[in-house]
Protein backbone atom coordinates (compact mmCIF):
# COMPACT_ATOMS: atom_id res chain seq x y z
CA MET A 1 52.94 27.21 -37.50
CA THR A 2 52.98 26.19 -41.05
CA PRO A 3 54.66 28.39 -43.73
CA LEU A 4 51.41 28.96 -45.08
CA ALA A 5 49.75 30.16 -41.83
CA LEU A 6 52.57 32.36 -40.79
CA LEU A 7 52.35 34.23 -44.48
CA PHE A 8 48.47 34.60 -43.64
CA LEU A 9 49.61 35.92 -40.34
CA LEU A 10 51.88 38.32 -41.50
CA VAL A 11 49.53 39.46 -44.25
CA ALA A 12 46.58 39.71 -41.78
CA VAL A 13 48.76 42.00 -39.38
CA ALA A 14 49.91 44.22 -41.79
CA ALA A 15 46.27 44.76 -43.39
CA ILE A 16 44.86 45.39 -39.72
CA TRP A 17 47.74 48.08 -39.49
CA SER A 18 47.55 49.40 -42.71
CA LEU A 19 43.90 49.56 -43.71
CA PRO A 20 41.59 52.42 -43.20
CA ARG A 21 39.35 52.25 -40.15
CA GLN A 22 36.25 51.19 -42.29
CA TRP A 23 38.17 48.27 -44.03
CA ALA A 24 40.35 47.22 -40.45
CA PRO A 25 37.51 44.37 -39.78
CA VAL A 26 38.46 42.56 -42.95
CA PRO A 27 41.69 40.74 -41.50
CA LEU A 28 39.37 39.79 -38.53
CA LEU A 29 36.59 38.17 -40.45
CA ALA A 30 39.14 36.60 -42.68
CA THR A 31 40.98 35.01 -39.71
CA ALA A 32 37.87 33.82 -38.03
CA CYS A 33 37.11 32.13 -41.56
CA TYR A 34 40.28 30.89 -42.96
CA MET A 35 42.42 29.87 -40.12
CA THR A 36 41.94 27.23 -37.65
CA LEU A 37 42.65 27.29 -33.88
CA GLY A 38 45.37 24.82 -34.64
CA GLN A 39 47.79 27.18 -35.97
CA GLY A 40 50.16 29.38 -33.40
CA THR A 41 52.87 29.12 -31.19
CA GLU A 42 53.22 28.89 -27.16
CA LEU A 43 55.10 31.74 -25.51
CA ALA A 44 55.67 31.31 -21.67
CA GLY A 45 52.81 28.74 -21.56
CA LEU A 46 50.24 31.15 -23.40
CA ASN A 47 48.63 29.75 -26.57
CA LEU A 48 48.83 32.35 -28.96
CA HIS A 49 46.98 30.82 -32.13
CA VAL A 50 46.58 33.27 -35.18
CA MET A 51 43.05 34.46 -33.97
CA ARG A 52 44.62 36.23 -30.78
CA LEU A 53 47.71 37.48 -32.52
CA VAL A 54 45.67 39.47 -35.03
CA LEU A 55 43.47 40.41 -32.40
CA LEU A 56 46.60 41.48 -30.29
CA ALA A 57 47.95 43.73 -33.22
CA GLY A 58 44.42 45.36 -33.62
CA LEU A 59 44.30 46.26 -30.33
CA VAL A 60 48.17 47.67 -30.25
CA ARG A 61 46.99 49.67 -33.46
CA VAL A 62 44.18 51.30 -31.69
CA LEU A 63 46.18 52.11 -28.86
CA VAL A 64 49.00 53.50 -31.15
CA ARG A 65 46.35 55.75 -33.15
CA ARG A 66 44.17 56.58 -30.33
CA GLU A 67 41.13 55.47 -31.78
CA ARG A 68 37.72 55.55 -30.11
CA ALA A 69 34.67 53.70 -30.35
CA ALA A 70 31.44 55.47 -32.36
CA GLY A 71 29.61 57.74 -29.74
CA GLY A 72 31.97 56.90 -26.56
CA TRP A 73 31.22 54.53 -24.10
CA SER A 74 27.67 52.76 -24.05
CA GLY A 75 25.95 50.46 -21.62
CA MET A 76 27.15 47.32 -23.30
CA ASP A 77 30.57 48.40 -23.10
CA HIS A 78 30.32 48.75 -19.34
CA LEU A 79 28.65 45.24 -19.11
CA PHE A 80 31.33 43.85 -21.19
CA ALA A 81 34.00 45.20 -18.56
CA ALA A 82 31.84 43.68 -15.93
CA TRP A 83 31.57 40.38 -17.53
CA GLY A 84 35.40 40.24 -17.90
CA GLY A 85 36.26 41.49 -14.82
CA TRP A 86 34.05 38.85 -13.10
CA ALA A 87 35.55 36.05 -15.12
CA LEU A 88 38.85 36.82 -13.88
CA ALA A 89 37.92 37.41 -10.43
CA ALA A 90 35.87 33.94 -10.35
CA SER A 91 39.20 32.04 -10.82
CA VAL A 92 39.86 32.06 -6.99
CA PHE A 93 36.74 29.77 -6.74
CA HIS A 94 38.35 27.04 -8.26
CA GLU A 95 40.82 24.40 -7.53
CA SER A 96 43.94 26.00 -9.29
CA PRO A 97 43.14 29.46 -9.31
CA SER A 98 46.30 30.42 -11.38
CA ASP A 99 45.63 28.05 -14.32
CA THR A 100 42.02 28.96 -13.99
CA PHE A 101 42.83 32.72 -14.13
CA ILE A 102 45.21 32.03 -17.16
CA ASN A 103 42.10 30.06 -18.87
CA HIS A 104 39.90 32.85 -18.32
CA ALA A 105 42.19 35.57 -19.63
CA GLY A 106 42.75 33.80 -22.99
CA MET A 107 38.89 33.54 -23.14
CA VAL A 108 38.25 37.43 -22.23
CA PHE A 109 40.95 38.43 -24.25
CA ASN A 110 39.07 36.79 -27.39
CA ILE A 111 35.74 38.11 -26.64
CA ALA A 112 36.44 41.41 -25.25
CA GLY A 113 39.40 42.11 -27.38
CA ALA A 114 37.17 41.32 -30.68
CA TYR A 115 34.48 43.44 -29.11
CA ILE A 116 36.60 46.38 -28.78
CA LEU A 117 37.94 46.23 -32.14
CA PHE A 118 34.70 45.83 -33.67
CA ARG A 119 33.27 48.67 -31.76
CA VAL A 120 36.23 50.96 -32.71
CA PHE A 121 36.30 49.94 -36.46
CA VAL A 122 32.34 50.32 -37.20
CA HIS A 123 30.67 53.64 -36.94
CA GLY A 124 27.19 53.68 -37.87
CA ARG A 125 24.86 51.84 -40.41
CA GLU A 126 27.22 52.62 -43.55
CA ASP A 127 29.97 50.57 -41.81
CA VAL A 128 27.79 47.83 -40.63
CA VAL A 129 26.46 47.47 -44.50
CA ARG A 130 30.18 47.19 -45.67
CA LEU A 131 31.04 44.94 -42.96
CA THR A 132 28.05 42.56 -44.08
CA GLN A 133 29.21 43.03 -47.88
CA VAL A 134 32.78 41.64 -46.78
CA LEU A 135 31.07 38.80 -44.76
CA ALA A 136 29.18 37.71 -47.78
CA VAL A 137 32.14 37.31 -49.93
CA VAL A 138 34.57 36.26 -47.18
CA LEU A 139 32.05 33.22 -46.27
CA VAL A 140 31.93 32.03 -50.03
CA PRO A 141 35.37 29.94 -49.75
CA VAL A 142 34.25 28.23 -46.64
CA ALA A 143 30.74 27.16 -48.27
CA LEU A 144 32.45 25.85 -51.38
CA GLU A 145 35.02 24.16 -49.21
CA MET A 146 32.34 22.56 -46.68
CA LEU A 147 30.63 21.48 -50.07
CA ASN A 148 33.59 20.11 -51.25
CA GLU A 149 33.88 17.86 -48.47
CA GLN A 150 30.66 16.14 -49.39
CA PHE A 151 32.19 14.87 -52.38
CA THR A 152 35.43 14.72 -51.82
CA ARG A 153 35.56 13.26 -48.11
CA HIS A 154 38.26 15.85 -47.20
CA ASN A 155 38.78 18.94 -45.33
CA TRP A 156 41.26 21.34 -47.08
CA PHE A 157 41.46 23.24 -43.83
CA SER A 158 43.07 20.30 -41.84
CA LEU A 159 46.25 21.44 -43.70
CA PHE A 160 46.38 23.80 -40.77
CA GLY A 161 45.55 21.54 -38.18
CA GLY A 162 42.96 21.60 -35.25
CA VAL A 163 40.51 19.94 -37.95
CA PRO A 164 40.16 16.31 -38.90
CA GLU A 165 41.20 15.48 -42.65
CA GLU A 166 37.80 13.38 -42.92
CA PRO A 167 34.35 14.84 -42.08
CA ALA A 168 32.46 12.96 -39.44
CA ILE A 169 29.53 10.76 -40.75
CA ARG A 170 26.22 10.61 -38.66
CA ASN A 171 23.19 8.35 -39.68
CA GLY A 172 25.17 8.08 -43.23
CA ARG A 173 25.51 11.80 -43.89
CA LEU A 174 28.75 13.29 -43.93
CA ARG A 175 28.95 16.52 -41.36
CA SER A 176 31.36 19.11 -43.28
CA GLN A 177 32.81 21.71 -40.60
CA GLY A 178 35.47 23.89 -42.76
CA PRO A 179 37.76 25.43 -40.32
CA PHE A 180 35.44 25.34 -37.47
CA ALA A 181 35.91 22.83 -34.62
CA HIS A 182 32.73 21.16 -35.04
CA ALA A 183 30.07 20.90 -38.14
CA ILE A 184 27.57 22.47 -35.55
CA LEU A 185 29.59 25.60 -35.16
CA ALA A 186 30.06 25.92 -38.74
CA GLY A 187 26.73 25.47 -39.77
CA THR A 188 25.76 27.80 -36.79
CA VAL A 189 27.75 30.58 -38.41
CA GLY A 190 25.89 30.00 -41.61
CA ALA A 191 22.51 30.33 -40.09
CA VAL A 192 23.08 33.32 -37.60
CA CYS A 193 24.58 35.12 -40.49
CA THR A 194 21.57 34.63 -42.91
CA PRO A 195 19.56 37.75 -41.62
CA LEU A 196 22.57 40.17 -42.24
CA MET A 197 22.35 39.05 -45.59
CA VAL A 198 18.69 39.77 -45.83
CA ALA A 199 19.59 43.52 -44.27
CA LEU A 200 21.32 43.88 -47.40
CA TRP A 201 18.77 42.52 -49.95
CA ARG A 202 17.32 46.30 -50.80
CA GLU A 203 20.81 48.04 -51.16
CA ARG A 204 22.96 45.41 -52.35
CA PRO A 205 20.82 42.58 -53.87
CA TRP A 206 23.96 40.66 -55.92
CA GLN A 207 26.06 40.57 -52.64
CA ALA A 208 22.86 39.48 -50.55
CA ARG A 209 22.04 36.70 -52.82
CA VAL A 210 25.55 35.83 -52.97
CA GLY A 211 25.82 35.69 -48.99
CA MET A 212 22.40 34.06 -48.52
CA CYS A 213 23.85 31.18 -50.70
CA ALA A 214 26.88 30.46 -49.00
CA CYS A 215 24.97 30.60 -45.67
CA GLY A 216 22.40 28.21 -46.92
CA ILE A 217 25.37 25.85 -48.18
CA MET A 218 27.11 25.92 -44.68
CA VAL A 219 23.63 24.96 -43.04
CA LEU A 220 23.05 22.06 -45.37
CA THR A 221 26.65 20.57 -45.26
CA SER A 222 27.06 20.68 -41.59
CA ALA A 223 23.93 18.05 -41.68
CA SER A 224 23.20 19.15 -38.09
CA SER A 225 19.74 19.87 -36.44
CA GLY A 226 21.09 22.79 -34.55
CA PRO A 227 21.96 25.18 -37.27
CA LEU A 228 18.69 24.28 -39.36
CA ALA A 229 16.78 24.85 -35.92
CA SER A 230 18.91 28.17 -35.41
CA LEU A 231 18.05 29.32 -39.27
CA LEU A 232 14.29 28.64 -38.51
CA VAL A 233 14.41 30.99 -35.53
CA ALA A 234 15.92 33.65 -37.94
CA MET A 235 13.50 33.35 -40.40
CA LEU A 236 10.46 33.28 -37.99
CA ALA A 237 11.85 36.61 -36.31
CA LEU A 238 12.30 38.02 -39.96
CA LEU A 239 8.85 37.01 -40.86
CA LEU A 240 7.50 39.05 -37.46
CA TRP A 241 8.83 42.45 -38.79
CA ARG A 242 5.22 43.19 -39.99
CA TRP A 243 4.22 42.92 -36.77
CA ARG A 244 6.87 44.69 -34.96
CA HIS A 245 4.67 46.92 -33.05
CA LEU A 246 3.56 44.02 -30.88
CA THR A 247 6.76 43.09 -29.87
CA ARG A 248 5.95 43.41 -26.17
CA GLN A 249 2.86 41.48 -26.55
CA MET A 250 4.94 38.66 -28.13
CA ARG A 251 7.09 38.53 -25.16
CA VAL A 252 4.40 38.31 -22.68
CA ALA A 253 2.92 35.59 -24.95
CA ALA A 254 6.08 33.63 -25.03
CA VAL A 255 6.43 33.50 -21.46
CA VAL A 256 2.65 32.64 -20.89
CA GLY A 257 3.11 29.89 -23.53
CA TYR A 258 6.07 28.72 -21.83
CA ILE A 259 4.28 28.53 -18.42
CA LEU A 260 1.10 26.43 -19.86
CA LEU A 261 3.61 24.27 -21.69
CA ASP A 262 5.11 23.34 -18.21
CA LEU A 263 1.79 22.73 -16.75
CA VAL A 264 0.74 20.20 -19.46
CA MET A 265 4.16 18.34 -19.90
CA LYS A 266 5.18 15.72 -17.65
CA ALA A 267 8.56 16.75 -18.08
CA PRO A 268 9.88 20.39 -17.51
CA ALA A 269 8.76 22.38 -20.36
CA TYR A 270 12.70 22.98 -21.83
CA TYR A 271 12.04 19.22 -22.79
CA ILE A 272 10.38 20.22 -25.85
CA ILE A 273 13.96 20.63 -27.41
CA ALA A 274 14.53 16.92 -26.85
CA ARG A 275 11.94 16.39 -29.80
CA ILE A 276 13.38 18.23 -32.30
CA ASP A 277 15.40 16.41 -34.93
CA LEU A 278 15.79 18.57 -38.13
CA ALA A 279 18.70 16.52 -39.60
CA GLY A 280 18.39 12.89 -37.84
CA GLY A 281 20.66 11.65 -34.80
CA SER A 282 19.85 14.68 -32.81
CA THR A 283 21.19 15.17 -29.23
CA GLY A 284 18.12 17.13 -28.21
CA TRP A 285 17.63 14.72 -25.07
CA HIS A 286 21.05 15.24 -23.91
CA ARG A 287 20.67 19.18 -24.05
CA ALA A 288 17.53 19.15 -22.16
CA GLU A 289 18.69 16.63 -19.52
CA LEU A 290 21.98 18.96 -19.13
CA ILE A 291 19.77 22.02 -18.08
CA ARG A 292 17.80 19.57 -15.70
CA LYS A 293 21.19 18.32 -14.15
CA ALA A 294 22.70 21.90 -13.93
CA LEU A 295 19.71 22.79 -12.09
CA GLU A 296 20.16 19.98 -9.91
CA HIS A 297 23.55 20.31 -8.93
CA LEU A 298 23.04 24.39 -8.62
CA PRO A 299 25.03 24.61 -4.87
CA GLU A 300 28.24 23.06 -6.56
CA TRP A 301 28.43 26.14 -9.06
CA TRP A 302 26.24 29.00 -8.36
CA LEU A 303 28.97 31.37 -6.76
CA GLY A 304 31.85 31.04 -8.93
CA GLY A 305 31.84 27.99 -11.17
CA THR A 306 33.12 24.73 -10.89
CA ASP A 307 36.00 22.23 -12.02
CA TYR A 308 33.81 18.81 -12.23
CA THR A 309 30.65 18.09 -13.97
CA ARG A 310 31.55 14.67 -15.09
CA HIS A 311 28.59 13.46 -12.52
CA TRP A 312 25.85 15.52 -14.31
CA MET A 313 25.48 12.90 -17.08
CA PRO A 314 25.80 9.18 -17.54
CA TYR A 315 28.47 9.66 -19.68
CA GLY A 316 31.73 12.15 -20.41
CA VAL A 317 33.54 13.37 -23.37
CA PRO A 318 37.09 12.13 -24.63
CA TRP A 319 38.51 15.46 -24.36
CA SER A 320 38.06 15.86 -20.18
CA GLU A 321 38.11 13.64 -17.36
CA ASN A 322 36.32 16.20 -15.24
CA HIS A 323 33.52 17.58 -17.28
CA ALA A 324 30.32 16.40 -19.19
CA ASP A 325 29.68 17.71 -22.71
CA ILE A 326 28.29 21.54 -21.92
CA THR A 327 26.42 22.08 -25.04
CA ASN A 328 25.10 25.32 -23.50
CA HIS A 329 26.56 28.53 -23.86
CA TYR A 330 24.87 29.93 -20.70
CA LEU A 331 25.64 26.81 -18.46
CA ALA A 332 29.29 27.11 -19.90
CA GLN A 333 29.41 30.50 -18.55
CA GLY A 334 28.00 29.28 -15.33
CA VAL A 335 30.44 26.37 -15.14
CA ARG A 336 33.40 29.18 -15.53
CA GLY A 337 32.00 31.61 -13.29
CA GLY A 338 28.70 31.01 -11.66
CA VAL A 339 25.29 32.32 -11.72
CA LEU A 340 26.48 35.95 -11.70
CA LEU A 341 28.50 35.51 -15.08
CA ILE A 342 25.17 34.06 -16.49
CA VAL A 343 23.36 37.21 -15.57
CA LEU A 344 26.12 39.32 -17.05
CA PHE A 345 26.18 37.41 -20.17
CA ILE A 346 22.12 37.68 -20.50
CA SER A 347 22.13 41.38 -19.80
CA ILE A 348 24.78 41.75 -22.67
CA LEU A 349 22.29 40.26 -24.97
CA TRP A 350 19.27 42.27 -23.49
CA ALA A 351 21.43 45.47 -23.94
CA GLY A 352 21.94 44.44 -27.71
CA PHE A 353 18.21 43.89 -28.19
CA ARG A 354 17.33 47.35 -26.56
CA TYR A 355 19.32 48.95 -28.99
CA VAL A 356 18.03 47.24 -31.81
CA GLY A 357 14.54 48.24 -30.55
CA ARG A 358 15.54 51.63 -29.98
CA LEU A 359 17.32 52.13 -33.65
CA VAL A 360 14.16 50.45 -35.29
CA LYS A 361 11.83 53.23 -33.89
CA LEU A 362 14.50 56.01 -34.35
CA GLU A 363 14.89 54.77 -38.32
CA GLU A 364 11.06 54.83 -38.35
CA SER A 365 11.07 58.58 -37.51
CA HIS A 366 12.91 59.82 -40.53
CA PRO A 367 11.40 59.35 -44.03
CA SER A 368 14.97 58.04 -45.31
CA GLY A 369 15.45 55.70 -42.44
CA LYS A 370 16.17 52.15 -42.69
CA PRO A 371 14.53 50.47 -39.78
CA PHE A 372 14.32 46.88 -41.57
CA PHE A 373 17.96 46.51 -41.77
CA TRP A 374 18.33 47.04 -38.11
CA TRP A 375 15.43 44.38 -37.48
CA CYS A 376 17.48 42.05 -39.47
CA VAL A 377 20.72 42.60 -37.22
CA GLY A 378 18.27 41.98 -34.36
CA CYS A 379 16.84 38.47 -35.77
CA SER A 380 20.46 37.65 -36.04
CA LEU A 381 21.09 38.52 -32.52
CA PHE A 382 18.06 36.52 -31.82
CA ALA A 383 19.16 33.42 -33.72
CA HIS A 384 22.59 33.68 -31.48
CA ALA A 385 20.54 34.04 -28.34
CA ALA A 386 18.50 30.78 -29.19
CA THR A 387 21.42 28.82 -30.34
CA CYS A 388 23.40 29.48 -26.90
CA ILE A 389 20.73 26.93 -25.40
CA SER A 390 21.89 24.14 -27.34
CA VAL A 391 25.43 25.24 -28.39
CA ALA A 392 28.57 26.46 -26.73
CA TYR A 393 30.59 28.50 -28.39
CA PHE A 394 33.97 27.00 -28.01
CA ASP A 395 36.01 28.40 -31.21
CA GLN A 396 36.48 31.30 -33.63
CA SER A 397 32.62 31.05 -33.93
CA VAL A 398 32.23 33.17 -30.95
CA MET A 399 33.53 36.08 -33.11
CA PHE A 400 30.10 36.09 -35.31
CA LEU A 401 28.25 36.53 -31.84
CA VAL A 402 30.78 39.25 -30.55
CA MET A 403 30.42 40.93 -33.80
CA THR A 404 26.75 41.32 -33.90
CA LEU A 405 26.60 42.74 -30.51
CA ALA A 406 29.30 45.15 -31.18
CA ILE A 407 27.67 46.67 -34.23
CA CYS A 408 24.34 46.88 -32.19
CA ALA A 409 26.15 48.94 -29.93
CA SER A 410 27.94 51.04 -32.37
CA GLY A 411 24.90 51.91 -34.52
CA PHE A 412 22.68 52.87 -31.61
CA LYS A 413 26.00 55.34 -30.33
CA ALA A 414 26.24 56.75 -33.71
CA VAL A 415 22.44 57.13 -34.46
CA GLU A 416 22.25 58.94 -30.86
CA ALA A 417 25.26 61.17 -31.54
CA GLU A 418 23.56 62.59 -34.61
CA GLY A 419 20.27 62.94 -32.96
CA ILE A 420 20.79 66.50 -31.88
CA PRO A 421 21.30 67.66 -35.29
CA CYS A 422 18.43 65.77 -36.38
CA ALA A 423 16.04 67.24 -33.90
CA ARG A 424 17.31 70.91 -34.69
CA GLU A 425 16.59 70.16 -38.48
CA ASN A 426 12.99 69.06 -37.21
CA GLU A 427 12.41 72.28 -35.14
CA GLU A 428 13.42 74.07 -38.29
CA LEU A 429 10.72 72.21 -40.30
CA ALA A 430 8.54 72.68 -37.67
CA ALA A 431 8.87 76.42 -37.85
CA GLY A 432 8.45 76.62 -41.44
CA LEU A 433 5.24 74.49 -41.21
CA GLY A 434 3.48 76.17 -38.43
CA THR A 435 1.72 74.22 -35.88
CA ALA A 436 3.08 70.76 -36.22
CA HIS A 437 4.28 67.62 -34.13
CA VAL A 438 7.64 66.25 -35.33
CA GLN A 439 9.18 63.01 -33.93
CA GLY A 440 13.11 63.56 -33.46
CA ASP A 441 15.85 61.22 -32.37
CA HIS A 442 15.42 62.81 -28.26
CA GLY A 443 11.51 62.80 -28.53
CA THR A 444 8.86 64.74 -29.89
CA VAL A 445 9.45 68.28 -31.04
CA GLN A 446 6.44 70.82 -30.74
CA LYS A 447 6.26 74.26 -32.54
CA LEU A 448 3.59 76.45 -32.41
CA SER A 449 3.13 79.27 -35.01
């Protein structure tokens, strides 16, 4: 660990210990954006990079102060517990259960630890607004550094190791990556955070503009089709706000459309991603073929995952002799823990969408509600879900997915906890108006004069 990284770690740990709950997520976001996975230390065979050490400090704070998540346990919390439990249990299906257990334990610690901290630190919409404001500012230095890579061909984050000094070049275009392990992941972070910046527009327009500019720069300088596609998906979801009352019909139409596409195409319908090339040099065919091969080899991994996928594709990856390039987060879950781990991960996403849908309806029932804000959060989650088809989060970028899921759960539990007082206020209002129907958080309150 370099002296600069050690100084950053000490400051981040001190901050996460001393800051008030509302500001405690700042060190987490700063670490995810400014520290590479190349900085850390090893202890008893464990890779303790800076991100894990900051997470550990945050979890110790939560235990010592006995801080709790907003509104108590949620359905998503139980799903995360089940996901983590099965990820560890699935180690027994691998060739080296002990080594796999250690590897899976690190993954579970990163994801579940970040989820717990965001759930505990974020209570309700005001905290989400504050968190998004911080995110808008934190992303600016990353965006400026990625822009600098385009002119100087030098990545300043290489000082921390884990990322190359010179950005990769594809079809004559430099692919900036900042502190992230790949240019695609760097651009993806900018794409999926864009809807959160839009959510700030009505209340914090200045921060929203700054954040949107930073996100846009990250997407463009990554020079990758994936982030551009993720951004377009997010923008499409935002445009559907006006027709939000037709979301159920949209889901049905999407399923029917996929079936019809599968009928008219010679290849399976998911091969449509092979035709998407927004930045030049896209590897969409690889992503479509990977899905096909995974389905063909389903008996090898469906139960608890597999240690060998090299034969799935005609080429491998330089960092592993046993695996193909698993550029799909859903399939990456399957390789680790079989079909059940995929189902649990999808269930977590489903819970997030369910919370957003209920939040939008609850906010619409109040004159001072902010339903569009939560719709934007849902658009960010939708961009993540779509991105997982073509990207596997294998570095600190997964923190932004976990953060989005956590604020969905915290936002809903906070509104749910405030539902009874709101319903009582509606009853009093109905009593004063005579015969009325008033929509509260827990249903319709009918009052007869």
